[in-house]
C-alpha cells in the first residue's frame, strides 16, 4: 500500500534524517514524507498506445515514485498530473523541476499557487536537487526494459508493473 507520513514504501518506520541527508538547498527542509517532490519527463522508447513521454514525480524523503504515460509533455498534462498527485498525497511544501517550458509557465504557476506549493528550479549549481528524479528515471527505464522485453511498443501497458 501507499506509505503514510510515518512509514516508508516497504512499511518500515522512517529513519530520522539529519540535515546532511536532506536536499542541499537550505531553504527547503524535508520534514515529512510527501513534503518535497522532484518532477521530470523521460522519453523512454518509441510511441506506445499514443504515448511518448513518462512524467515522473519522486518524493525526496521516502523515494516513492509516481509516473504516468502521456502523449505530450505540455503544461496542461503536467497540471492535470500535479492535481492528481496533490489529491492523493496532499499538497507538498515544494515541487522541484528543471527549467523546461512545461514546468515554467503561467498554468503551472497558477496550480502551485492555488495549492500553496513552492516551485523550486534545480540548477547547474545544485545538480543533486534534480538528481533524485534522474536516478529514478534511470532505474525506471531499466525496469521497463526488463519488463517489456522485445516488444518495446508495449511500455505504456507495463508502466504500473514497473513501479
Protein backbone atom coordinates (compact mmCIF):
# COMPACT_ATOMS: atom_id res chain seq x y z
CA UNK A 1 0.00 0.00 0.00
CA UNK A 2 0.88 3.67 0.00
CA UNK A 3 3.27 4.86 2.67
CA UNK A 4 1.87 7.09 5.39
CA UNK A 5 3.54 10.14 6.83
CA UNK A 6 5.42 7.82 9.22
CA UNK A 7 6.31 4.79 7.10
CA UNK A 8 8.39 4.13 4.04
CA UNK A 9 7.26 2.36 0.87
CA UNK A 10 8.05 -1.01 2.46
CA UNK A 11 6.01 -0.12 5.56
CA UNK A 12 9.10 0.29 7.76
CA UNK A 13 9.36 3.22 10.14
CA UNK A 14 11.09 6.20 8.56
CA UNK A 15 14.62 6.85 9.76
CA UNK A 16 15.32 10.12 11.47
CA UNK A 17 17.02 12.31 8.89
CA UNK A 18 19.90 14.58 9.63
CA UNK A 19 20.39 17.87 7.87
CA UNK A 20 23.14 16.22 5.79
CA UNK A 21 20.64 13.72 4.36
CA UNK A 22 18.37 16.49 3.19
CA UNK A 23 18.44 18.46 -0.01
CA UNK A 24 21.33 20.86 -0.48
CA UNK A 25 19.12 23.93 -0.90
CA UNK A 26 18.93 25.13 2.69
CA UNK A 27 15.62 26.88 2.11
CA UNK A 28 13.83 23.53 1.79
CA UNK A 29 13.75 21.39 4.90
CA UNK A 30 12.39 17.93 4.19
CA UNK A 31 10.47 17.35 7.39
CA UNK A 32 7.92 14.76 6.43
CA UNK A 33 7.11 12.28 3.73
CA UNK A 34 5.48 13.88 0.65
CA UNK A 35 6.72 17.37 1.62
CA UNK A 36 9.05 17.73 -1.37
CA UNK A 37 8.63 16.14 -4.81
CA UNK A 38 11.02 16.21 -7.74
CA UNK A 39 9.31 16.14 -11.14
CA UNK A 40 10.68 15.46 -14.62
CA UNK A 41 9.88 13.96 -18.01
CA UNK A 42 11.54 10.98 -19.59
CA UNK A 43 11.26 9.82 -23.20
CA UNK A 44 11.86 6.10 -22.83
CA UNK A 45 11.02 4.26 -26.02
CA UNK A 46 9.06 4.58 -29.28
CA UNK A 47 5.39 5.59 -29.14
CA UNK A 48 3.24 3.18 -27.12
CA UNK A 49 -0.55 3.38 -27.50
CA UNK A 50 -0.16 7.03 -28.45
CA UNK A 51 2.13 7.80 -25.51
CA UNK A 52 5.64 9.13 -25.95
CA UNK A 53 6.56 10.55 -22.53
CA UNK A 54 6.60 9.45 -18.93
CA UNK A 55 6.08 12.16 -16.32
CA UNK A 56 7.85 11.07 -13.14
CA UNK A 57 7.48 12.50 -9.63
CA UNK A 58 9.69 11.30 -6.76
CA UNK A 59 9.15 12.05 -3.08
CA UNK A 60 12.52 13.11 -1.70
CA UNK A 61 12.18 11.51 1.73
CA UNK A 62 10.54 8.14 1.03
CA UNK A 63 11.75 7.81 -2.61
CA UNK A 64 8.15 6.92 -3.54
CA UNK A 65 7.74 7.18 -7.32
CA UNK A 66 4.63 8.21 -9.22
CA UNK A 67 4.69 8.06 -13.03
CA UNK A 68 2.23 8.47 -15.88
CA UNK A 69 2.49 7.66 -19.59
CA UNK A 70 1.45 10.69 -21.66
CA UNK A 71 1.10 11.58 -25.35
CA UNK A 72 2.51 15.11 -24.91
CA UNK A 73 4.74 16.99 -22.47
CA UNK A 74 2.86 20.28 -22.36
CA UNK A 75 1.74 22.40 -19.41
CA UNK A 76 -1.83 21.06 -19.48
CA UNK A 77 -0.85 17.42 -18.86
CA UNK A 78 1.65 18.48 -16.18
CA UNK A 79 -1.03 20.46 -14.33
CA UNK A 80 -3.50 17.58 -14.52
CA UNK A 81 -0.82 15.22 -13.15
CA UNK A 82 0.01 17.63 -10.30
CA UNK A 83 -3.65 17.99 -9.29
CA UNK A 84 -3.97 14.20 -9.20
CA UNK A 85 -0.77 13.94 -7.14
CA UNK A 86 -1.93 16.60 -4.65
CA UNK A 87 -5.35 14.95 -4.34
CA UNK A 88 -3.78 11.60 -3.47
CA UNK A 89 -0.89 12.73 -1.26
CA UNK A 90 -1.86 16.20 -0.07
CA UNK A 91 -0.19 19.44 -1.10
CA UNK A 92 3.58 19.29 -0.64
CA UNK A 93 5.69 22.18 0.56
CA UNK A 94 7.70 22.23 -2.66
CA UNK A 95 7.99 20.85 -6.18
CA UNK A 96 11.43 20.83 -7.78
CA UNK A 97 11.82 20.76 -11.55
CA UNK A 98 14.22 21.74 -14.27
CA UNK A 99 13.63 24.91 -16.29
CA UNK A 100 11.63 23.18 -19.04
CA UNK A 101 8.80 25.22 -20.51
CA UNK A 102 6.31 22.52 -19.42
CA UNK A 103 7.19 23.44 -15.79
CA UNK A 104 7.89 27.17 -16.17
CA UNK A 105 4.64 28.72 -17.39
CA UNK A 106 1.50 30.51 -16.19
CA UNK A 107 -0.64 27.37 -15.93
CA UNK A 108 1.92 25.59 -13.72
CA UNK A 109 2.38 28.73 -11.59
CA UNK A 110 -1.39 29.03 -11.06
CA UNK A 111 -1.71 25.40 -9.93
CA UNK A 112 1.15 25.57 -7.41
CA UNK A 113 -0.13 28.93 -6.13
CA UNK A 114 -3.66 27.54 -5.71
CA UNK A 115 -2.34 24.60 -3.66
CA UNK A 116 0.17 26.70 -1.71
CA UNK A 117 3.20 24.87 -3.10
CA UNK A 118 6.62 26.47 -3.62
CA UNK A 119 8.12 25.81 -7.07
CA UNK A 120 11.91 25.44 -6.98
CA UNK A 121 14.14 25.13 -10.01
CA UNK A 122 17.06 22.75 -9.95
CA UNK A 123 20.19 24.46 -11.16
CA UNK A 124 23.55 23.52 -12.59
CA UNK A 125 24.95 24.59 -9.22
CA UNK A 126 22.74 22.18 -7.29
CA UNK A 127 22.55 19.09 -9.51
CA UNK A 128 21.57 16.97 -6.50
CA UNK A 129 18.16 18.62 -6.46
CA UNK A 130 17.18 17.06 -9.76
CA UNK A 131 19.46 14.06 -9.29
CA UNK A 132 16.83 12.16 -7.32
CA UNK A 133 14.42 12.20 -10.25
CA UNK A 134 17.17 11.41 -12.76
CA UNK A 135 18.24 8.36 -10.72
CA UNK A 136 14.61 7.22 -10.53
CA UNK A 137 14.24 7.76 -14.29
CA UNK A 138 17.28 5.58 -14.99
CA UNK A 139 16.01 2.86 -12.64
CA UNK A 140 12.51 3.05 -14.11
CA UNK A 141 13.87 2.77 -17.65
CA UNK A 142 15.96 -0.30 -16.69
CA UNK A 143 12.95 -1.95 -15.03
CA UNK A 144 10.74 -1.14 -18.02
CA UNK A 145 13.34 -2.60 -20.39
CA UNK A 146 13.35 -5.85 -18.40
CA UNK A 147 9.56 -5.90 -18.06
CA UNK A 148 8.71 -5.30 -21.72
CA UNK A 149 11.47 -7.42 -23.24
CA UNK A 150 11.35 -7.45 -27.03
CA UNK A 151 8.07 -5.63 -27.56
CA UNK A 152 9.25 -2.07 -26.93
CA UNK A 153 5.97 -0.52 -28.06
CA UNK A 154 4.11 -2.04 -25.08
CA UNK A 155 5.90 0.06 -22.43
CA UNK A 156 2.85 2.18 -21.53
CA UNK A 157 0.94 -1.00 -20.60
CA UNK A 158 3.80 -2.13 -18.37
CA UNK A 159 4.42 1.15 -16.55
CA UNK A 160 2.33 0.28 -13.48
CA UNK A 161 4.08 -3.11 -13.21
CA UNK A 162 7.46 -1.38 -13.23
CA UNK A 163 6.61 0.98 -10.35
